[in-house]
Amino acid sequence: MHPAAPLTDFPILKPSTTVGKRACELHQEWCDQHARVGRVETDYVAAQARLKETEAQMRDVLQKRELSEATDAEAKAAEDAHAAAKAEAEAPWQERARAAVRAAEQRRQTYEAFIDENLDDLVAELEADAKVAVETIRKAAQTMADGVAAWRAVNKRSVDLIRPAQLVSTQSIPRLSASAEQAAQSAHRLLEDGDGLALPVPERRHLDQRLIDLGLPTKRQYVWKGRTGPTVAKGES
């Protein structure tokens, strides 16, 4: 009996806003309670093992007492240990497991409801990481494009340099590999394609459309066929 498993990490790695921090706390509470389900099962197995262990120890001590090799106090201690282990092994483990599962599901529902209610603010916070990722790609693409351009420039100068020399031709100069040429072309296309460097988060118009569909006000006004207001999210003012 296992509840839905939470994500390993909260999607916003370093939340900085009050909403982000609260969402992270709720996610951690869900993770902790989900782990509790596994611990109940582990504790049950341990209780059964402890019962068998104390039962064997009790039999051994009782036999030794009959042979005067163990005291009454030792026998009593062994019996008490077995009684405690038996009580724990016969505890309502199924009920404990079901309670842990229900609690984990409640934690999940609380977390997901908070995400749903505060999605706009949480996506806005995630945009900071998204912008860093996009800028990293842009810089890498620019570096590739600049590097290939520089290689070609040096290649031309190398050709010009050896032209007057005897017994050497331009065939001695290596060519740029096809993979480098393709990478440079891809870099140029990426830099020219705005959509290729879009933020990896839901677009604002989709978030606003979600609010409209839920009957909630949007944070921005839209104009649609001469009307202004949060009626449709297809065109931005």
C-alpha atoms as a PDB file:
ATOM      1  CA  MET A   1       0.000   0.000   0.000  1.00  0.00           C
ATOM      2  CA  HIS A   2       1.898   3.017  -1.286  1.00  0.00           C
ATOM      3  CA  PRO A   3       0.696   6.595  -1.849  1.00  0.00           C
ATOM      4  CA  ALA A   4       1.759   8.721  -4.818  1.00  0.00           C
ATOM      5  CA  ALA A   5       5.493   9.364  -4.636  1.00  0.00           C
ATOM      6  CA  PRO A   6       6.661  12.985  -4.466  1.00  0.00           C
ATOM      7  CA  LEU A   7       9.301  14.469  -6.726  1.00  0.00           C
ATOM      8  CA  THR A   8      12.820  13.967  -5.458  1.00  0.00           C
ATOM      9  CA  ASP A   9      13.464  17.709  -5.352  1.00  0.00           C
ATOM     10  CA  PHE A  10      11.219  20.727  -5.162  1.00  0.00           C
ATOM     11  CA  PRO A  11      11.174  22.249  -8.676  1.00  0.00           C
ATOM     12  CA  ILE A  12      12.430  25.643  -7.480  1.00  0.00           C
ATOM     13  CA  LEU A  13      15.912  24.841  -6.201  1.00  0.00           C
ATOM     14  CA  LYS A  14      16.465  28.037  -4.192  1.00  0.00           C
ATOM     15  CA  PRO A  15      13.085  29.672  -3.479  1.00  0.00           C
ATOM     16  CA  SER A  16      13.416  33.287  -2.374  1.00  0.00           C
ATOM     17  CA  THR A  17       9.830  34.502  -2.063  1.00  0.00           C
ATOM     18  CA  THR A  18       7.403  33.803   0.763  1.00  0.00           C
ATOM     19  CA  VAL A  19       5.192  31.788  -1.579  1.00  0.00           C
ATOM     20  CA  GLY A  20       8.135  29.805  -2.938  1.00  0.00           C
ATOM     21  CA  LYS A  21       9.464  29.003   0.525  1.00  0.00           C
ATOM     22  CA  ARG A  22       6.028  27.921   1.726  1.00  0.00           C
ATOM     23  CA  ALA A  23       5.580  25.654  -1.294  1.00  0.00           C
ATOM     24  CA  CYS A  24       9.006  24.150  -0.574  1.00  0.00           C
ATOM     25  CA  GLU A  25       7.988  23.512   3.042  1.00  0.00           C
ATOM     26  CA  LEU A  26       4.773  21.784   1.970  1.00  0.00           C
ATOM     27  CA  HIS A  27       6.709  19.665  -0.502  1.00  0.00           C
ATOM     28  CA  GLN A  28       9.157  18.638   2.231  1.00  0.00           C
ATOM     29  CA  GLU A  29       6.272  17.740   4.554  1.00  0.00           C
ATOM     30  CA  TRP A  30       4.859  15.542   1.792  1.00  0.00           C
ATOM     31  CA  CYS A  31       8.261  13.896   1.277  1.00  0.00           C
ATOM     32  CA  ASP A  32       8.679  13.294   5.015  1.00  0.00           C
ATOM     33  CA  GLN A  33       5.225  11.767   5.383  1.00  0.00           C
ATOM     34  CA  HIS A  34       5.721   9.600   2.311  1.00  0.00           C
ATOM     35  CA  ALA A  35       8.955   8.317   3.845  1.00  0.00           C
ATOM     36  CA  ARG A  36       7.004   7.572   7.027  1.00  0.00           C
ATOM     37  CA  VAL A  37       4.938   4.999   5.092  1.00  0.00           C
ATOM     38  CA  GLY A  38       8.104   3.073   4.317  1.00  0.00           C
ATOM     39  CA  ARG A  39       9.306   3.325   7.901  1.00  0.00           C
ATOM     40  CA  VAL A  40       6.065   1.795   9.208  1.00  0.00           C
ATOM     41  CA  GLU A  41       6.662  -1.226   6.989  1.00  0.00           C
ATOM     42  CA  THR A  42      10.285  -1.422   8.103  1.00  0.00           C
ATOM     43  CA  ASP A  43       9.279  -1.159  11.757  1.00  0.00           C
ATOM     44  CA  TYR A  44       6.746  -3.960  11.294  1.00  0.00           C
ATOM     45  CA  VAL A  45       9.390  -6.300   9.878  1.00  0.00           C
ATOM     46  CA  ALA A  46      11.758  -5.355  12.709  1.00  0.00           C
ATOM     47  CA  ALA A  47       9.053  -6.040  15.324  1.00  0.00           C
ATOM     48  CA  GLN A  48       8.453  -9.521  13.944  1.00  0.00           C
ATOM     49  CA  ALA A  49      12.173 -10.238  13.965  1.00  0.00           C
ATOM     50  CA  ARG A  50      12.473  -8.925  17.522  1.00  0.00           C
ATOM     51  CA  LEU A  51       9.647 -11.208  18.644  1.00  0.00           C
ATOM     52  CA  LYS A  52      11.414 -14.299  17.301  1.00  0.00           C
ATOM     53  CA  GLU A  53      14.688 -13.180  18.853  1.00  0.00           C
ATOM     54  CA  THR A  54      13.269 -12.591  22.331  1.00  0.00           C
ATOM     55  CA  GLU A  55      11.292 -15.833  22.169  1.00  0.00           C
ATOM     56  CA  ALA A  56      14.473 -17.790  21.512  1.00  0.00           C
ATOM     57  CA  GLN A  57      16.304 -15.920  24.275  1.00  0.00           C
ATOM     58  CA  MET A  58      13.465 -16.548  26.737  1.00  0.00           C
ATOM     59  CA  ARG A  59      13.417 -20.279  26.029  1.00  0.00           C
ATOM     60  CA  ASP A  60      17.169 -20.442  26.524  1.00  0.00           C
ATOM     61  CA  VAL A  61      17.092 -18.532  29.828  1.00  0.00           C
ATOM     62  CA  LEU A  62      14.132 -20.540  31.181  1.00  0.00           C
ATOM     63  CA  GLN A  63      15.927 -23.767  30.417  1.00  0.00           C
ATOM     64  CA  LYS A  64      19.054 -22.489  32.142  1.00  0.00           C
ATOM     65  CA  ARG A  65      17.012 -21.514  35.194  1.00  0.00           C
ATOM     66  CA  GLU A  66      15.689 -25.055  35.425  1.00  0.00           C
ATOM     67  CA  LEU A  67      19.317 -26.207  35.436  1.00  0.00           C
ATOM     68  CA  SER A  68      20.240 -23.522  37.983  1.00  0.00           C
ATOM     69  CA  GLU A  69      22.414 -21.847  35.389  1.00  0.00           C
ATOM     70  CA  ALA A  70      20.304 -18.643  35.373  1.00  0.00           C
ATOM     71  CA  THR A  71      18.663 -16.657  38.158  1.00  0.00           C
ATOM     72  CA  ASP A  72      14.973 -15.927  38.609  1.00  0.00           C
ATOM     73  CA  ALA A  73      15.718 -12.271  37.885  1.00  0.00           C
ATOM     74  CA  GLU A  74      17.315 -13.185  34.556  1.00  0.00           C
ATOM     75  CA  ALA A  75      14.348 -15.348  33.657  1.00  0.00           C
ATOM     76  CA  LYS A  76      11.936 -12.549  34.602  1.00  0.00           C
ATOM     77  CA  ALA A  77      13.874 -10.063  32.449  1.00  0.00           C
ATOM     78  CA  ALA A  78      13.763 -12.425  29.490  1.00  0.00           C
ATOM     79  CA  GLU A  79      10.017 -12.960  29.930  1.00  0.00           C
ATOM     80  CA  ASP A  80       9.403  -9.208  30.171  1.00  0.00           C
ATOM     81  CA  ALA A  81      11.460  -8.570  27.027  1.00  0.00           C
ATOM     82  CA  HIS A  82       9.482 -11.215  25.160  1.00  0.00           C
ATOM     83  CA  ALA A  83       6.166  -9.822  26.406  1.00  0.00           C
ATOM     84  CA  ALA A  84       7.118  -6.330  25.233  1.00  0.00           C
ATOM     85  CA  ALA A  85       8.232  -7.634  21.844  1.00  0.00           C
ATOM     86  CA  LYS A  86       5.026  -9.673  21.502  1.00  0.00           C
ATOM     87  CA  ALA A  87       2.894  -6.632  22.281  1.00  0.00           C
ATOM     88  CA  GLU A  88       4.744  -4.568  19.684  1.00  0.00           C
ATOM     89  CA  ALA A  89       4.580  -7.329  17.068  1.00  0.00           C
ATOM     90  CA  GLU A  90       0.808  -7.623  17.599  1.00  0.00           C
ATOM     91  CA  ALA A  91       0.257  -3.859  17.443  1.00  0.00           C
ATOM     92  CA  PRO A  92      -2.273  -2.581  14.843  1.00  0.00           C
ATOM     93  CA  TRP A  93       0.312  -2.389  12.071  1.00  0.00           C
ATOM     94  CA  GLN A  94      -2.200  -2.357   9.234  1.00  0.00           C
ATOM     95  CA  GLU A  95      -4.009   0.551  10.811  1.00  0.00           C
ATOM     96  CA  ARG A  96      -0.701   2.370  11.325  1.00  0.00           C
ATOM     97  CA  ALA A  97       0.211   1.800   7.678  1.00  0.00           C
ATOM     98  CA  ARG A  98      -3.188   2.977   6.435  1.00  0.00           C
ATOM     99  CA  ALA A  99      -2.962   6.074   8.627  1.00  0.00           C
ATOM    100  CA  ALA A 100       0.488   6.873   7.243  1.00  0.00           C
ATOM    101  CA  VAL A 101      -0.784   6.465   3.683  1.00  0.00           C
ATOM    102  CA  ARG A 102      -3.800   8.683   4.322  1.00  0.00           C
ATOM    103  CA  ALA A 103      -1.571  11.310   5.916  1.00  0.00           C
ATOM    104  CA  ALA A 104       0.794  11.198   2.931  1.00  0.00           C
ATOM    105  CA  GLU A 105      -2.127  11.678   0.550  1.00  0.00           C
ATOM    106  CA  GLN A 106      -3.354  14.598   2.626  1.00  0.00           C
ATOM    107  CA  ARG A 107       0.113  16.172   2.471  1.00  0.00           C
ATOM    108  CA  ARG A 108       0.119  15.676  -1.295  1.00  0.00           C
ATOM    109  CA  GLN A 109      -3.280  17.280  -1.699  1.00  0.00           C
ATOM    110  CA  THR A 110      -2.273  20.239   0.453  1.00  0.00           C
ATOM    111  CA  TYR A 111       0.903  20.757  -1.563  1.00  0.00           C
ATOM    112  CA  GLU A 112      -0.826  20.449  -4.921  1.00  0.00           C
ATOM    113  CA  ALA A 113      -3.653  22.779  -3.878  1.00  0.00           C
ATOM    114  CA  PHE A 114      -1.085  25.399  -2.854  1.00  0.00           C
ATOM    115  CA  ILE A 115       0.717  25.044  -6.182  1.00  0.00           C
ATOM    116  CA  ASP A 116      -2.569  25.413  -8.050  1.00  0.00           C
ATOM    117  CA  GLU A 117      -3.544  28.490  -6.065  1.00  0.00           C
ATOM    118  CA  ASN A 118      -0.161  30.212  -6.408  1.00  0.00           C
ATOM    119  CA  LEU A 119       0.987  28.932  -9.788  1.00  0.00           C
ATOM    120  CA  ASP A 120       1.569  32.378 -11.335  1.00  0.00           C
ATOM    121  CA  ASP A 121       3.858  33.533  -8.537  1.00  0.00           C
ATOM    122  CA  LEU A 122       5.755  30.238  -8.461  1.00  0.00           C
ATOM    123  CA  VAL A 123       6.314  30.212 -12.225  1.00  0.00           C
ATOM    124  CA  ALA A 124       7.550  33.793 -11.987  1.00  0.00           C
ATOM    125  CA  GLU A 125      10.118  32.696  -9.426  1.00  0.00           C
ATOM    126  CA  LEU A 126      11.223  29.765 -11.587  1.00  0.00           C
ATOM    127  CA  GLU A 127      11.796  32.214 -14.450  1.00  0.00           C
ATOM    128  CA  ALA A 128      15.013  33.370 -12.783  1.00  0.00           C
ATOM    129  CA  ASP A 129      16.565  29.925 -13.319  1.00  0.00           C
ATOM    130  CA  ALA A 130      15.013  29.767 -16.783  1.00  0.00           C
ATOM    131  CA  LYS A 131      16.655  33.030 -17.799  1.00  0.00           C
ATOM    132  CA  VAL A 132      20.038  31.800 -16.602  1.00  0.00           C
ATOM    133  CA  ALA A 133      19.636  28.617 -18.645  1.00  0.00           C
ATOM    134  CA  VAL A 134      18.630  30.540 -21.774  1.00  0.00           C
ATOM    135  CA  GLU A 135      21.506  32.970 -21.379  1.00  0.00           C
ATOM    136  CA  THR A 136      23.922  30.050 -20.991  1.00  0.00           C
ATOM    137  CA  ILE A 137      22.675  28.596 -24.278  1.00  0.00           C
ATOM    138  CA  ARG A 138      22.866  31.971 -26.004  1.00  0.00           C
ATOM    139  CA  LYS A 139      26.435  32.548 -24.856  1.00  0.00           C
ATOM    140  CA  ALA A 140      27.462  29.033 -25.896  1.00  0.00           C
ATOM    141  CA  ALA A 141      25.917  29.498 -29.338  1.00  0.00           C
ATOM    142  CA  GLN A 142      27.598  32.870 -29.720  1.00  0.00           C
ATOM    143  CA  THR A 143      30.914  31.407 -28.630  1.00  0.00           C
ATOM    144  CA  MET A 144      30.578  28.634 -31.215  1.00  0.00           C
ATOM    145  CA  ALA A 145      29.670  31.078 -33.974  1.00  0.00           C
ATOM    146  CA  ASP A 146      32.508  33.448 -33.029  1.00  0.00           C
ATOM    147  CA  GLY A 147      34.984  30.574 -32.725  1.00  0.00           C
ATOM    148  CA  VAL A 148      34.231  29.225 -36.189  1.00  0.00           C
ATOM    149  CA  ALA A 149      34.413  32.734 -37.663  1.00  0.00           C
ATOM    150  CA  ALA A 150      37.808  33.224 -36.006  1.00  0.00           C
ATOM    151  CA  TRP A 151      39.000  29.831 -37.304  1.00  0.00           C
ATOM    152  CA  ARG A 152      38.014  30.747 -40.824  1.00  0.00           C
ATOM    153  CA  ALA A 153      39.778  34.105 -40.538  1.00  0.00           C
ATOM    154  CA  VAL A 154      43.007  32.460 -39.402  1.00  0.00           C
ATOM    155  CA  ASN A 155      42.634  29.858 -42.136  1.00  0.00           C
ATOM    156  CA  LYS A 156      42.486  32.607 -44.759  1.00  0.00           C
ATOM    157  CA  ARG A 157      45.518  34.324 -43.295  1.00  0.00           C
ATOM    158  CA  SER A 158      47.365  31.006 -43.299  1.00  0.00           C
ATOM    159  CA  VAL A 159      46.593  30.558 -46.997  1.00  0.00           C
ATOM    160  CA  ASP A 160      47.814  34.071 -47.706  1.00  0.00           C
ATOM    161  CA  LEU A 161      50.953  33.449 -45.677  1.00  0.00           C
ATOM    162  CA  ILE A 162      52.139  30.312 -47.483  1.00  0.00           C
ATOM    163  CA  ARG A 163      51.196  31.403 -51.006  1.00  0.00           C
ATOM    164  CA  PRO A 164      54.690  32.808 -51.844  1.00  0.00           C
ATOM    165  CA  ALA A 165      56.488  29.805 -50.348  1.00  0.00           C
ATOM    166  CA  GLN A 166      57.839  26.931 -52.440  1.00  0.00           C
ATOM    167  CA  LEU A 167      57.084  23.231 -52.023  1.00  0.00           C
ATOM    168  CA  VAL A 168      54.018  23.732 -49.831  1.00  0.00           C
ATOM    169  CA  SER A 169      50.401  24.100 -50.845  1.00  0.00           C
ATOM    170  CA  THR A 170      47.116  24.969 -49.252  1.00  0.00           C
ATOM    171  CA  GLN A 171      46.455  21.226 -49.021  1.00  0.00           C
ATOM    172  CA  SER A 172      48.786  21.240 -46.039  1.00  0.00           C
ATOM    173  CA  ILE A 173      46.286  23.325 -44.086  1.00  0.00           C
ATOM    174  CA  PRO A 174      43.607  21.261 -42.315  1.00  0.00           C
ATOM    175  CA  ARG A 175      39.996  21.969 -43.123  1.00  0.00           C
ATOM    176  CA  LEU A 176      37.277  22.658 -40.623  1.00  0.00           C
ATOM    177  CA  SER A 177      35.449  19.433 -39.851  1.00  0.00           C
ATOM    178  CA  ALA A 178      31.906  18.885 -41.062  1.00  0.00           C
ATOM    179  CA  SER A 179      30.687  18.597 -37.478  1.00  0.00           C
ATOM    180  CA  ALA A 180      32.163  22.017 -36.640  1.00  0.00           C
ATOM    181  CA  GLU A 181      30.547  23.501 -39.745  1.00  0.00           C
ATOM    182  CA  GLN A 182      27.195  22.028 -38.771  1.00  0.00           C
ATOM    183  CA  ALA A 183      27.558  23.232 -35.188  1.00  0.00           C
ATOM    184  CA  ALA A 184      28.280  26.751 -36.424  1.00  0.00           C
ATOM    185  CA  GLN A 185      25.243  26.693 -38.707  1.00  0.00           C
ATOM    186  CA  SER A 186      23.069  25.460 -35.857  1.00  0.00           C
ATOM    187  CA  ALA A 187      24.455  28.191 -33.598  1.00  0.00           C
ATOM    188  CA  HIS A 188      23.592  30.874 -36.155  1.00  0.00           C
ATOM    189  CA  ARG A 189      20.076  29.499 -36.584  1.00  0.00           C
ATOM    190  CA  LEU A 190      19.589  29.367 -32.846  1.00  0.00           C
ATOM    191  CA  LEU A 191      20.714  32.950 -32.378  1.00  0.00           C
ATOM    192  CA  GLU A 192      18.394  34.110 -35.168  1.00  0.00           C
ATOM    193  CA  ASP A 193      15.422  32.084 -33.920  1.00  0.00           C
ATOM    194  CA  GLY A 194      13.701  33.800 -31.027  1.00  0.00           C
ATOM    195  CA  ASP A 195      11.583  30.765 -30.225  1.00  0.00           C
ATOM    196  CA  GLY A 196      14.721  28.671 -29.978  1.00  0.00           C
ATOM    197  CA  LEU A 197      15.727  30.646 -26.892  1.00  0.00           C
ATOM    198  CA  ALA A 198      12.319  30.810 -25.245  1.00  0.00           C
ATOM    199  CA  LEU A 199      12.133  30.404 -21.473  1.00  0.00           C
ATOM    200  CA  PRO A 200      11.401  26.791 -20.442  1.00  0.00           C
ATOM    201  CA  VAL A 201       8.356  27.800 -18.375  1.00  0.00           C
ATOM    202  CA  PRO A 202       4.650  28.214 -19.242  1.00  0.00           C
ATOM    203  CA  GLU A 203       4.022  31.323 -21.340  1.00  0.00           C
ATOM    204  CA  ARG A 204       2.216  34.132 -19.583  1.00  0.00           C
ATOM    205  CA  ARG A 205      -0.693  34.034 -22.038  1.00  0.00           C
ATOM    206  CA  HIS A 206      -1.340  30.401 -21.147  1.00  0.00           C
ATOM    207  CA  LEU A 207      -1.250  31.179 -17.454  1.00  0.00           C
ATOM    208  CA  ASP A 208      -3.647  34.058 -17.984  1.00  0.00           C
ATOM    209  CA  GLN A 209      -5.950  31.868 -20.067  1.00  0.00           C
ATOM    210  CA  ARG A 210      -5.967  29.408 -17.183  1.00  0.00           C
ATOM    211  CA  LEU A 211      -7.110  32.168 -14.815  1.00  0.00           C
ATOM    212  CA  ILE A 212      -9.790  33.232 -17.275  1.00  0.00           C
ATOM    213  CA  ASP A 213     -11.052  29.668 -17.575  1.00  0.00           C
ATOM    214  CA  LEU A 214     -11.167  29.462 -13.788  1.00  0.00           C
ATOM    215  CA  GLY A 215     -13.160  32.690 -13.647  1.00  0.00           C
ATOM    216  CA  LEU A 216     -10.341  34.580 -11.946  1.00  0.00           C
ATOM    217  CA  PRO A 217      -8.940  38.018 -12.848  1.00  0.00           C
ATOM    218  CA  THR A 218      -5.697  38.193 -14.803  1.00  0.00           C
ATOM    219  CA  LYS A 219      -2.798  40.417 -13.871  1.00  0.00           C
ATOM    220  CA  ARG A 220      -2.798  41.991 -17.336  1.00  0.00           C
ATOM    221  CA  GLN A 221      -5.459  43.483 -19.567  1.00  0.00           C
ATOM    222  CA  TYR A 222      -6.163  42.086 -23.020  1.00  0.00           C
ATOM    223  CA  VAL A 223      -7.714  43.689 -26.071  1.00  0.00           C
ATOM    224  CA  TRP A 224      -9.865  41.508 -28.313  1.00  0.00           C
ATOM    225  CA  LYS A 225     -11.868  42.999 -31.198  1.00  0.00           C
ATOM    226  CA  GLY A 226     -12.126  46.379 -29.598  1.00  0.00           C
ATOM    227  CA  ARG A 227     -12.932  45.146 -26.109  1.00  0.00           C
ATOM    228  CA  THR A 228     -10.627  45.447 -23.125  1.00  0.00           C
ATOM    229  CA  GLY A 229     -10.728  43.080 -20.205  1.00  0.00           C
ATOM    230  CA  PRO A 230      -9.885  39.604 -18.997  1.00  0.00           C
ATOM    231  CA  THR A 231     -12.154  37.831 -21.486  1.00  0.00           C
ATOM    232  CA  VAL A 232      -9.689  36.036 -23.728  1.00  0.00           C
ATOM    233  CA  ALA A 233      -5.950  35.634 -23.606  1.00  0.00           C
ATOM    234  CA  LYS A 234      -5.170  35.424 -27.314  1.00  0.00           C
ATOM    235  CA  GLY A 235      -3.831  38.881 -27.928  1.00  0.00           C
ATOM    236  CA  GLU A 236      -1.759  41.026 -25.619  1.00  0.00           C
ATOM    237  CA  SER A 237      -2.317  44.745 -25.277  1.00  0.00           C
END
